[in-house]
Amino acid sequence: MVKAVWNGAVLAESDDTVVIEGNHYFPRETIRGEYFKPSETTSICPWKGTANYHSIVVDGAENKDAAWYYADPQPAAAEIKNRVAFWKGVTVS
């Protein structure tokens, strides 16, 4: 079971992650939505497409844009559709 943890809170856990470029992408239904706040931030990956972000809020502390997902990935990255990955101090183990 792979877990994503930040500020003492389990943000997601699953035994069905997809690993791309060293990042675990968790199925959207395994994230704990109460910790996620939509962000206006986007970025573009040439082969995956446009990434959208969420900030994470735990006990009043915010980790801006610490989770990302591809709502409509390029065909080469279709396996990460509806999956969320983490960075910025989120521990994935």
PDB file of N, CA and C in Angstrom:
ATOM      1  N   MET A   1       0.846  -1.182   0.000  1.00  0.00           N
ATOM      2  CA  MET A   1       0.000   0.000   0.000  1.00  0.00           C
ATOM      3  C   MET A   1       0.888   1.241   0.000  1.00  0.00           C
ATOM      4  N   VAL A   2       0.666   2.115  -0.944  1.00  0.00           N
ATOM      5  CA  VAL A   2       1.427   3.357  -1.060  1.00  0.00           C
ATOM      6  C   VAL A   2       0.598   4.469  -0.416  1.00  0.00           C
ATOM      7  N   LYS A   3       1.256   5.318   0.385  1.00  0.00           N
ATOM      8  CA  LYS A   3       0.582   6.421   1.072  1.00  0.00           C
ATOM      9  C   LYS A   3       1.240   7.742   0.723  1.00  0.00           C
ATOM     10  N   ALA A   4       0.426   8.785   0.645  1.00  0.00           N
ATOM     11  CA  ALA A   4       0.913  10.157   0.522  1.00  0.00           C
ATOM     12  C   ALA A   4       0.548  10.872   1.815  1.00  0.00           C
ATOM     13  N   VAL A   5       1.561  11.434   2.496  1.00  0.00           N
ATOM     14  CA  VAL A   5       1.352  12.055   3.812  1.00  0.00           C
ATOM     15  C   VAL A   5       1.982  13.440   3.830  1.00  0.00           C
ATOM     16  N   TRP A   6       1.260  14.400   4.394  1.00  0.00           N
ATOM     17  CA  TRP A   6       1.804  15.737   4.613  1.00  0.00           C
ATOM     18  C   TRP A   6       1.234  16.301   5.904  1.00  0.00           C
ATOM     19  N   ASN A   7       2.093  16.898   6.690  1.00  0.00           N
ATOM     20  CA  ASN A   7       1.699  17.545   7.944  1.00  0.00           C
ATOM     21  C   ASN A   7       0.910  16.587   8.848  1.00  0.00           C
ATOM     22  N   GLY A   8       1.299  15.316   8.824  1.00  0.00           N
ATOM     23  CA  GLY A   8       0.674  14.308   9.680  1.00  0.00           C
ATOM     24  C   GLY A   8      -0.614  13.719   9.161  1.00  0.00           C
ATOM     25  N   ALA A   9      -1.095  14.183   8.018  1.00  0.00           N
ATOM     26  CA  ALA A   9      -2.359  13.687   7.462  1.00  0.00           C
ATOM     27  C   ALA A   9      -2.099  12.763   6.269  1.00  0.00           C
ATOM     28  N   VAL A  10      -2.836  11.665   6.212  1.00  0.00           N
ATOM     29  CA  VAL A  10      -2.782  10.778   5.051  1.00  0.00           C
ATOM     30  C   VAL A  10      -3.680  11.395   3.981  1.00  0.00           C
ATOM     31  N   LEU A  11      -3.073  11.802   2.880  1.00  0.00           N
ATOM     32  CA  LEU A  11      -3.797  12.458   1.790  1.00  0.00           C
ATOM     33  C   LEU A  11      -4.401  11.464   0.823  1.00  0.00           C
ATOM     34  N   ALA A  12      -3.708  10.339   0.641  1.00  0.00           N
ATOM     35  CA  ALA A  12      -4.170   9.287  -0.270  1.00  0.00           C
ATOM     36  C   ALA A  12      -3.443   8.006   0.082  1.00  0.00           C
ATOM     37  N   GLU A  13      -4.090   6.878  -0.195  1.00  0.00           N
ATOM     38  CA  GLU A  13      -3.412   5.585  -0.085  1.00  0.00           C
ATOM     39  C   GLU A  13      -4.072   4.612  -1.038  1.00  0.00           C
ATOM     40  N   SER A  14      -3.213   3.805  -1.681  1.00  0.00           N
ATOM     41  CA  SER A  14      -3.710   2.871  -2.682  1.00  0.00           C
ATOM     42  C   SER A  14      -2.651   1.824  -2.985  1.00  0.00           C
ATOM     43  N   ASP A  15      -3.106   0.667  -3.405  1.00  0.00           N
ATOM     44  CA  ASP A  15      -2.181  -0.352  -3.909  1.00  0.00           C
ATOM     45  C   ASP A  15      -2.244  -0.383  -5.431  1.00  0.00           C
ATOM     46  N   ASP A  16      -2.840   0.659  -6.026  1.00  0.00           N
ATOM     47  CA  ASP A  16      -3.001   0.757  -7.470  1.00  0.00           C
ATOM     48  C   ASP A  16      -2.494   2.116  -7.957  1.00  0.00           C
ATOM     49  N   THR A  17      -1.204   2.396  -7.759  1.00  0.00           N
ATOM     50  CA  THR A  17      -0.647   3.635  -8.287  1.00  0.00           C
ATOM     51  C   THR A  17       0.063   3.346  -9.607  1.00  0.00           C
ATOM     52  N   VAL A  18       0.167   4.379 -10.421  1.00  0.00           N
ATOM     53  CA  VAL A  18       0.927   4.302 -11.668  1.00  0.00           C
ATOM     54  C   VAL A  18       2.155   5.178 -11.468  1.00  0.00           C
ATOM     55  N   VAL A  19       3.342   4.626 -11.701  1.00  0.00           N
ATOM     56  CA  VAL A  19       4.573   5.396 -11.504  1.00  0.00           C
ATOM     57  C   VAL A  19       5.099   5.858 -12.863  1.00  0.00           C
ATOM     58  N   ILE A  20       5.217   7.175 -12.984  1.00  0.00           N
ATOM     59  CA  ILE A  20       5.784   7.793 -14.190  1.00  0.00           C
ATOM     60  C   ILE A  20       6.787   8.835 -13.729  1.00  0.00           C
ATOM     61  N   GLU A  21       7.987   8.756 -14.287  1.00  0.00           N
ATOM     62  CA  GLU A  21       9.062   9.693 -13.966  1.00  0.00           C
ATOM     63  C   GLU A  21       9.280   9.781 -12.452  1.00  0.00           C
ATOM     64  N   GLY A  22       9.156   8.660 -11.759  1.00  0.00           N
ATOM     65  CA  GLY A  22       9.402   8.600 -10.322  1.00  0.00           C
ATOM     66  C   GLY A  22       8.257   9.068  -9.449  1.00  0.00           C
ATOM     67  N   ASN A  23       7.150   9.494 -10.041  1.00  0.00           N
ATOM     68  CA  ASN A  23       5.995   9.971  -9.281  1.00  0.00           C
ATOM     69  C   ASN A  23       4.877   8.934  -9.269  1.00  0.00           C
ATOM     70  N   HIS A  24       4.322   8.696  -8.089  1.00  0.00           N
ATOM     71  CA  HIS A  24       3.167   7.806  -7.962  1.00  0.00           C
ATOM     72  C   HIS A  24       1.905   8.610  -8.253  1.00  0.00           C
ATOM     73  N   TYR A  25       1.112   8.130  -9.181  1.00  0.00           N
ATOM     74  CA  TYR A  25      -0.180   8.733  -9.489  1.00  0.00           C
ATOM     75  C   TYR A  25      -1.257   7.865  -8.854  1.00  0.00           C
ATOM     76  N   PHE A  26      -1.981   8.454  -7.899  1.00  0.00           N
ATOM     77  CA  PHE A  26      -3.022   7.757  -7.149  1.00  0.00           C
ATOM     78  C   PHE A  26      -4.371   7.898  -7.849  1.00  0.00           C
ATOM     79  N   PRO A  27      -5.185   6.841  -7.839  1.00  0.00           N
ATOM     80  CA  PRO A  27      -6.547   6.987  -8.382  1.00  0.00           C
ATOM     81  C   PRO A  27      -7.276   8.109  -7.638  1.00  0.00           C
ATOM     82  N   ARG A  28      -7.982   8.935  -8.376  1.00  0.00           N
ATOM     83  CA  ARG A  28      -8.683  10.088  -7.781  1.00  0.00           C
ATOM     84  C   ARG A  28      -9.590   9.665  -6.629  1.00  0.00           C
ATOM     85  N   GLU A  29     -10.223   8.513  -6.738  1.00  0.00           N
ATOM     86  CA  GLU A  29     -11.151   8.090  -5.687  1.00  0.00           C
ATOM     87  C   GLU A  29     -10.452   7.702  -4.382  1.00  0.00           C
ATOM     88  N   THR A  30      -9.112   7.633  -4.383  1.00  0.00           N
ATOM     89  CA  THR A  30      -8.394   7.278  -3.151  1.00  0.00           C
ATOM     90  C   THR A  30      -7.869   8.497  -2.402  1.00  0.00           C
ATOM     91  N   ILE A  31      -8.037   9.701  -2.962  1.00  0.00           N
ATOM     92  CA  ILE A  31      -7.571  10.882  -2.238  1.00  0.00           C
ATOM     93  C   ILE A  31      -8.633  11.333  -1.244  1.00  0.00           C
ATOM     94  N   ARG A  32      -8.181  11.919  -0.158  1.00  0.00           N
ATOM     95  CA  ARG A  32      -9.083  12.429   0.879  1.00  0.00           C
ATOM     96  C   ARG A  32      -9.387  13.897   0.551  1.00  0.00           C
ATOM     97  N   GLY A  33     -10.514  14.085  -0.112  1.00  0.00           N
ATOM     98  CA  GLY A  33     -10.887  15.381  -0.670  1.00  0.00           C
ATOM     99  C   GLY A  33     -10.933  16.536   0.301  1.00  0.00           C
ATOM    100  N   GLU A  34     -11.134  16.260   1.579  1.00  0.00           N
ATOM    101  CA  GLU A  34     -11.227  17.352   2.545  1.00  0.00           C
ATOM    102  C   GLU A  34      -9.922  18.135   2.687  1.00  0.00           C
ATOM    103  N   TYR A  35      -8.816  17.574   2.211  1.00  0.00           N
ATOM    104  CA  TYR A  35      -7.523  18.255   2.316  1.00  0.00           C
ATOM    105  C   TYR A  35      -7.136  19.025   1.047  1.00  0.00           C
ATOM    106  N   PHE A  36      -7.959  18.962   0.017  1.00  0.00           N
ATOM    107  CA  PHE A  36      -7.594  19.526  -1.285  1.00  0.00           C
ATOM    108  C   PHE A  36      -8.401  20.775  -1.608  1.00  0.00           C
ATOM    109  N   LYS A  37      -7.688  21.780  -2.113  1.00  0.00           N
ATOM    110  CA  LYS A  37      -8.299  23.046  -2.501  1.00  0.00           C
ATOM    111  C   LYS A  37      -7.894  23.328  -3.949  1.00  0.00           C
ATOM    112  N   PRO A  38      -8.863  23.564  -4.836  1.00  0.00           N
ATOM    113  CA  PRO A  38      -8.514  23.829  -6.239  1.00  0.00           C
ATOM    114  C   PRO A  38      -7.585  25.029  -6.382  1.00  0.00           C
ATOM    115  N   SER A  39      -6.736  24.958  -7.390  1.00  0.00           N
ATOM    116  CA  SER A  39      -5.803  26.036  -7.704  1.00  0.00           C
ATOM    117  C   SER A  39      -6.000  26.440  -9.161  1.00  0.00           C
ATOM    118  N   GLU A  40      -5.667  27.662  -9.461  1.00  0.00           N
ATOM    119  CA  GLU A  40      -5.732  28.142 -10.847  1.00  0.00           C
ATOM    120  C   GLU A  40      -4.460  27.805 -11.623  1.00  0.00           C
ATOM    121  N   THR A  41      -3.448  27.254 -10.955  1.00  0.00           N
ATOM    122  CA  THR A  41      -2.157  26.974 -11.574  1.00  0.00           C
ATOM    123  C   THR A  41      -2.262  25.843 -12.593  1.00  0.00           C
ATOM    124  N   THR A  42      -1.579  26.012 -13.711  1.00  0.00           N
ATOM    125  CA  THR A  42      -1.432  24.957 -14.713  1.00  0.00           C
ATOM    126  C   THR A  42       0.015  24.948 -15.189  1.00  0.00           C
ATOM    127  N   SER A  43       0.414  23.839 -15.766  1.00  0.00           N
ATOM    128  CA  SER A  43       1.715  23.740 -16.421  1.00  0.00           C
ATOM    129  C   SER A  43       1.555  22.780 -17.585  1.00  0.00           C
ATOM    130  N   ILE A  44       2.512  22.820 -18.492  1.00  0.00           N
ATOM    131  CA  ILE A  44       2.409  21.983 -19.688  1.00  0.00           C
ATOM    132  C   ILE A  44       3.614  21.059 -19.788  1.00  0.00           C
ATOM    133  N   CYS A  45       3.337  19.784 -19.983  1.00  0.00           N
ATOM    134  CA  CYS A  45       4.359  18.782 -20.266  1.00  0.00           C
ATOM    135  C   CYS A  45       4.185  18.395 -21.729  1.00  0.00           C
ATOM    136  N   PRO A  46       5.261  18.390 -22.504  1.00  0.00           N
ATOM    137  CA  PRO A  46       5.136  18.103 -23.935  1.00  0.00           C
ATOM    138  C   PRO A  46       4.491  16.751 -24.253  1.00  0.00           C
ATOM    139  N   TRP A  47       4.714  15.739 -23.408  1.00  0.00           N
ATOM    140  CA  TRP A  47       4.164  14.428 -23.748  1.00  0.00           C
ATOM    141  C   TRP A  47       2.968  14.016 -22.893  1.00  0.00           C
ATOM    142  N   LYS A  48       2.760  14.674 -21.741  1.00  0.00           N
ATOM    143  CA  LYS A  48       1.604  14.332 -20.899  1.00  0.00           C
ATOM    144  C   LYS A  48       0.438  15.289 -21.092  1.00  0.00           C
ATOM    145  N   GLY A  49       0.713  16.533 -21.420  1.00  0.00           N
ATOM    146  CA  GLY A  49      -0.353  17.512 -21.627  1.00  0.00           C
ATOM    147  C   GLY A  49      -0.354  18.590 -20.557  1.00  0.00           C
ATOM    148  N   THR A  50      -1.523  19.173 -20.305  1.00  0.00           N
ATOM    149  CA  THR A  50      -1.672  20.258 -19.343  1.00  0.00           C
ATOM    150  C   THR A  50      -2.008  19.706 -17.968  1.00  0.00           C
ATOM    151  N   ALA A  51      -1.191  20.077 -16.983  1.00  0.00           N
ATOM    152  CA  ALA A  51      -1.424  19.665 -15.595  1.00  0.00           C
ATOM    153  C   ALA A  51      -2.203  20.759 -14.871  1.00  0.00           C
ATOM    154  N   ASN A  52      -3.123  20.340 -14.032  1.00  0.00           N
ATOM    155  CA  ASN A  52      -3.859  21.224 -13.139  1.00  0.00           C
ATOM    156  C   ASN A  52      -3.421  20.894 -11.718  1.00  0.00           C
ATOM    157  N   TYR A  53      -3.561  21.862 -10.808  1.00  0.00           N
ATOM    158  CA  TYR A  53      -3.037  21.694  -9.459  1.00  0.00           C
ATOM    159  C   TYR A  53      -4.101  21.864  -8.385  1.00  0.00           C
ATOM    160  N   HIS A  54      -3.799  21.293  -7.224  1.00  0.00           N
ATOM    161  CA  HIS A  54      -4.556  21.520  -5.997  1.00  0.00           C
ATOM    162  C   HIS A  54      -3.557  21.931  -4.934  1.00  0.00           C
ATOM    163  N   SER A  55      -3.971  22.819  -4.052  1.00  0.00           N
ATOM    164  CA  SER A  55      -3.206  23.078  -2.843  1.00  0.00           C
ATOM    165  C   SER A  55      -3.725  22.127  -1.779  1.00  0.00           C
ATOM    166  N   ILE A  56      -2.883  21.834  -0.811  1.00  0.00           N
ATOM    167  CA  ILE A  56      -3.255  20.931   0.274  1.00  0.00           C
ATOM    168  C   ILE A  56      -3.339  21.751   1.549  1.00  0.00           C
ATOM    169  N   VAL A  57      -4.427  21.567   2.297  1.00  0.00           N
ATOM    170  CA  VAL A  57      -4.620  22.293   3.547  1.00  0.00           C
ATOM    171  C   VAL A  57      -4.867  21.280   4.657  1.00  0.00           C
ATOM    172  N   VAL A  58      -3.979  21.298   5.663  1.00  0.00           N
ATOM    173  CA  VAL A  58      -4.088  20.400   6.818  1.00  0.00           C
ATOM    174  C   VAL A  58      -3.906  21.232   8.081  1.00  0.00           C
ATOM    175  N   ASP A  59      -4.877  21.185   8.953  1.00  0.00           N
ATOM    176  CA  ASP A  59      -4.809  21.917  10.234  1.00  0.00           C
ATOM    177  C   ASP A  59      -4.433  23.385  10.044  1.00  0.00           C
ATOM    178  N   GLY A  60      -5.003  24.013   9.023  1.00  0.00           N
ATOM    179  CA  GLY A  60      -4.764  25.432   8.778  1.00  0.00           C
ATOM    180  C   GLY A  60      -3.493  25.755   8.014  1.00  0.00           C
ATOM    181  N   ALA A  61      -2.614  24.771   7.827  1.00  0.00           N
ATOM    182  CA  ALA A  61      -1.379  24.989   7.057  1.00  0.00           C
ATOM    183  C   ALA A  61      -1.641  24.640   5.589  1.00  0.00           C
ATOM    184  N   GLU A  62      -1.166  25.505   4.693  1.00  0.00           N
ATOM    185  CA  GLU A  62      -1.395  25.283   3.260  1.00  0.00           C
ATOM    186  C   GLU A  62      -0.084  24.987   2.536  1.00  0.00           C
ATOM    187  N   ASN A  63      -0.118  23.972   1.688  1.00  0.00           N
ATOM    188  CA  ASN A  63       0.998  23.612   0.824  1.00  0.00           C
ATOM    189  C   ASN A  63       0.517  23.891  -0.602  1.00  0.00           C
ATOM    190  N   LYS A  64       0.873  25.068  -1.116  1.00  0.00           N
ATOM    191  CA  LYS A  64       0.340  25.541  -2.402  1.00  0.00           C
ATOM    192  C   LYS A  64       0.788  24.671  -3.572  1.00  0.00           C
ATOM    193  N   ASP A  65      -0.189  24.258  -4.365  1.00  0.00           N
ATOM    194  CA  ASP A  65       0.053  23.514  -5.611  1.00  0.00           C
ATOM    195  C   ASP A  65       0.857  22.228  -5.392  1.00  0.00           C
ATOM    196  N   ALA A  66       0.631  21.552  -4.291  1.00  0.00           N
ATOM    197  CA  ALA A  66       1.412  20.358  -3.943  1.00  0.00           C
ATOM    198  C   ALA A  66       0.881  19.073  -4.571  1.00  0.00           C
ATOM    199  N   ALA A  67      -0.261  19.144  -5.235  1.00  0.00           N
ATOM    200  CA  ALA A  67      -0.815  17.973  -5.927  1.00  0.00           C
ATOM    201  C   ALA A  67      -1.174  18.385  -7.341  1.00  0.00           C
ATOM    202  N   TRP A  68      -0.979  17.460  -8.279  1.00  0.00           N
ATOM    203  CA  TRP A  68      -1.330  17.779  -9.663  1.00  0.00           C
ATOM    204  C   TRP A  68      -1.969  16.578 -10.334  1.00  0.00           C
ATOM    205  N   TYR A  69      -2.669  16.894 -11.430  1.00  0.00           N
ATOM    206  CA  TYR A  69      -3.344  15.852 -12.207  1.00  0.00           C
ATOM    207  C   TYR A  69      -3.493  16.334 -13.648  1.00  0.00           C
ATOM    208  N   TYR A  70      -3.712  15.386 -14.522  1.00  0.00           N
ATOM    209  CA  TYR A  70      -3.943  15.679 -15.935  1.00  0.00           C
ATOM    210  C   TYR A  70      -5.383  15.300 -16.244  1.00  0.00           C
ATOM    211  N   ALA A  71      -6.255  16.300 -16.383  1.00  0.00           N
ATOM    212  CA  ALA A  71      -7.670  16.044 -16.640  1.00  0.00           C
ATOM    213  C   ALA A  71      -7.882  15.393 -18.004  1.00  0.00           C
ATOM    214  N   ASP A  72      -7.049  15.790 -18.963  1.00  0.00           N
ATOM    215  CA  ASP A  72      -7.184  15.270 -20.326  1.00  0.00           C
ATOM    216  C   ASP A  72      -5.783  15.034 -20.894  1.00  0.00           C
ATOM    217  N   PRO A  73      -5.102  13.981 -20.411  1.00  0.00           N
ATOM    218  CA  PRO A  73      -3.714  13.765 -20.838  1.00  0.00           C
ATOM    219  C   PRO A  73      -3.602  13.404 -22.318  1.00  0.00           C
ATOM    220  N   GLN A  74      -2.409  13.616 -22.856  1.00  0.00           N
ATOM    221  CA  GLN A  74      -2.116  13.174 -24.216  1.00  0.00           C
ATOM    222  C   GLN A  74      -2.243  11.645 -24.279  1.00  0.00           C
ATOM    223  N   PRO A  75      -2.478  11.080 -25.460  1.00  0.00           N
ATOM    224  CA  PRO A  75      -2.620   9.625 -25.580  1.00  0.00           C
ATOM    225  C   PRO A  75      -1.465   8.822 -24.975  1.00  0.00           C
ATOM    226  N   ALA A  76      -0.248   9.337 -25.061  1.00  0.00           N
ATOM    227  CA  ALA A  76       0.912   8.611 -24.513  1.00  0.00           C
ATOM    228  C   ALA A  76       0.853   8.482 -22.992  1.00  0.00           C
ATOM    229  N   ALA A  77       0.056   9.344 -22.342  1.00  0.00           N
ATOM    230  CA  ALA A  77      -0.049   9.334 -20.881  1.00  0.00           C
ATOM    231  C   ALA A  77      -1.464   8.989 -20.411  1.00  0.00           C
ATOM    232  N   ALA A  78      -2.209   8.316 -21.253  1.00  0.00           N
ATOM    233  CA  ALA A  78      -3.613   8.008 -20.937  1.00  0.00           C
ATOM    234  C   ALA A  78      -3.790   7.281 -19.606  1.00  0.00           C
ATOM    235  N   GLU A  79      -2.791   6.515 -19.191  1.00  0.00           N
ATOM    236  CA  GLU A  79      -2.918   5.736 -17.957  1.00  0.00           C
ATOM    237  C   GLU A  79      -2.973   6.591 -16.692  1.00  0.00           C
ATOM    238  N   ILE A  80      -2.654   7.895 -16.784  1.00  0.00           N
ATOM    239  CA  ILE A  80      -2.725   8.741 -15.589  1.00  0.00           C
ATOM    240  C   ILE A  80      -3.976   9.615 -15.542  1.00  0.00           C
ATOM    241  N   LYS A  81      -4.888   9.419 -16.466  1.00  0.00           N
ATOM    242  CA  LYS A  81      -6.164  10.142 -16.422  1.00  0.00           C
ATOM    243  C   LYS A  81      -6.882   9.770 -15.126  1.00  0.00           C
ATOM    244  N   ASN A  82      -7.448  10.767 -14.463  1.00  0.00           N
ATOM    245  CA  ASN A  82      -8.158  10.574 -13.188  1.00  0.00           C
ATOM    246  C   ASN A  82      -7.245  10.099 -12.068  1.00  0.00           C
ATOM    247  N   ARG A  83      -5.971  10.502 -12.120  1.00  0.00           N
ATOM    248  CA  ARG A  83      -5.009  10.160 -11.070  1.00  0.00           C
ATOM    249  C   ARG A  83      -4.306  11.426 -10.597  1.00  0.00           C
ATOM    250  N   VAL A  84      -3.854  11.402  -9.351  1.00  0.00           N
ATOM    251  CA  VAL A  84      -3.248  12.573  -8.705  1.00  0.00           C
ATOM    252  C   VAL A  84      -1.858  12.215  -8.194  1.00  0.00           C
ATOM    253  N   ALA A  85      -0.896  13.118  -8.402  1.00  0.00           N
ATOM    254  CA  ALA A  85       0.471  12.937  -7.910  1.00  0.00           C
ATOM    255  C   ALA A  85       0.826  14.103  -6.977  1.00  0.00           C
ATOM    256  N   PHE A  86       1.933  13.954  -6.250  1.00  0.00           N
ATOM    257  CA  PHE A  86       2.302  14.911  -5.211  1.00  0.00           C
ATOM    258  C   PHE A  86       3.773  15.316  -5.293  1.00  0.00           C
ATOM    259  N   TRP A  87       4.069  16.471  -4.708  1.00  0.00           N
ATOM    260  CA  TRP A  87       5.435  16.945  -4.528  1.00  0.00           C
ATOM    261  C   TRP A  87       5.436  17.974  -3.416  1.00  0.00           C
ATOM    262  N   LYS A  88       6.454  18.830  -3.325  1.00  0.00           N
ATOM    263  CA  LYS A  88       6.559  19.908  -2.343  1.00  0.00           C
ATOM    264  C   LYS A  88       6.452  19.411  -0.902  1.00  0.00           C
ATOM    265  N   GLY A  89       7.236  18.397  -0.583  1.00  0.00           N
ATOM    266  CA  GLY A  89       7.291  17.943   0.795  1.00  0.00           C
ATOM    267  C   GLY A  89       6.288  16.880   1.182  1.00  0.00           C
ATOM    268  N   VAL A  90       5.424  16.494   0.267  1.00  0.00           N
ATOM    269  CA  VAL A  90       4.503  15.386   0.548  1.00  0.00           C
ATOM    270  C   VAL A  90       5.316  14.099   0.469  1.00  0.00           C
ATOM    271  N   THR A  91       5.271  13.296   1.523  1.00  0.00           N
ATOM    272  CA  THR A  91       6.001  12.043   1.560  1.00  0.00           C
ATOM    273  C   THR A  91       5.164  10.935   0.948  1.00  0.00           C
ATOM    274  N   VAL A  92       5.709  10.284  -0.058  1.00  0.00           N
ATOM    275  CA  VAL A  92       5.033   9.153  -0.694  1.00  0.00           C
ATOM    276  C   VAL A  92       5.883   7.923  -0.437  1.00  0.00           C
ATOM    277  N   SER A  93       5.308   6.958   0.256  1.00  0.00           N
ATOM    278  CA  SER A  93       6.066   5.751   0.588  1.00  0.00           C
ATOM    279  C   SER A  93       5.151   4.535   0.663  1.00  0.00           C
TER     280      SER A  93
END
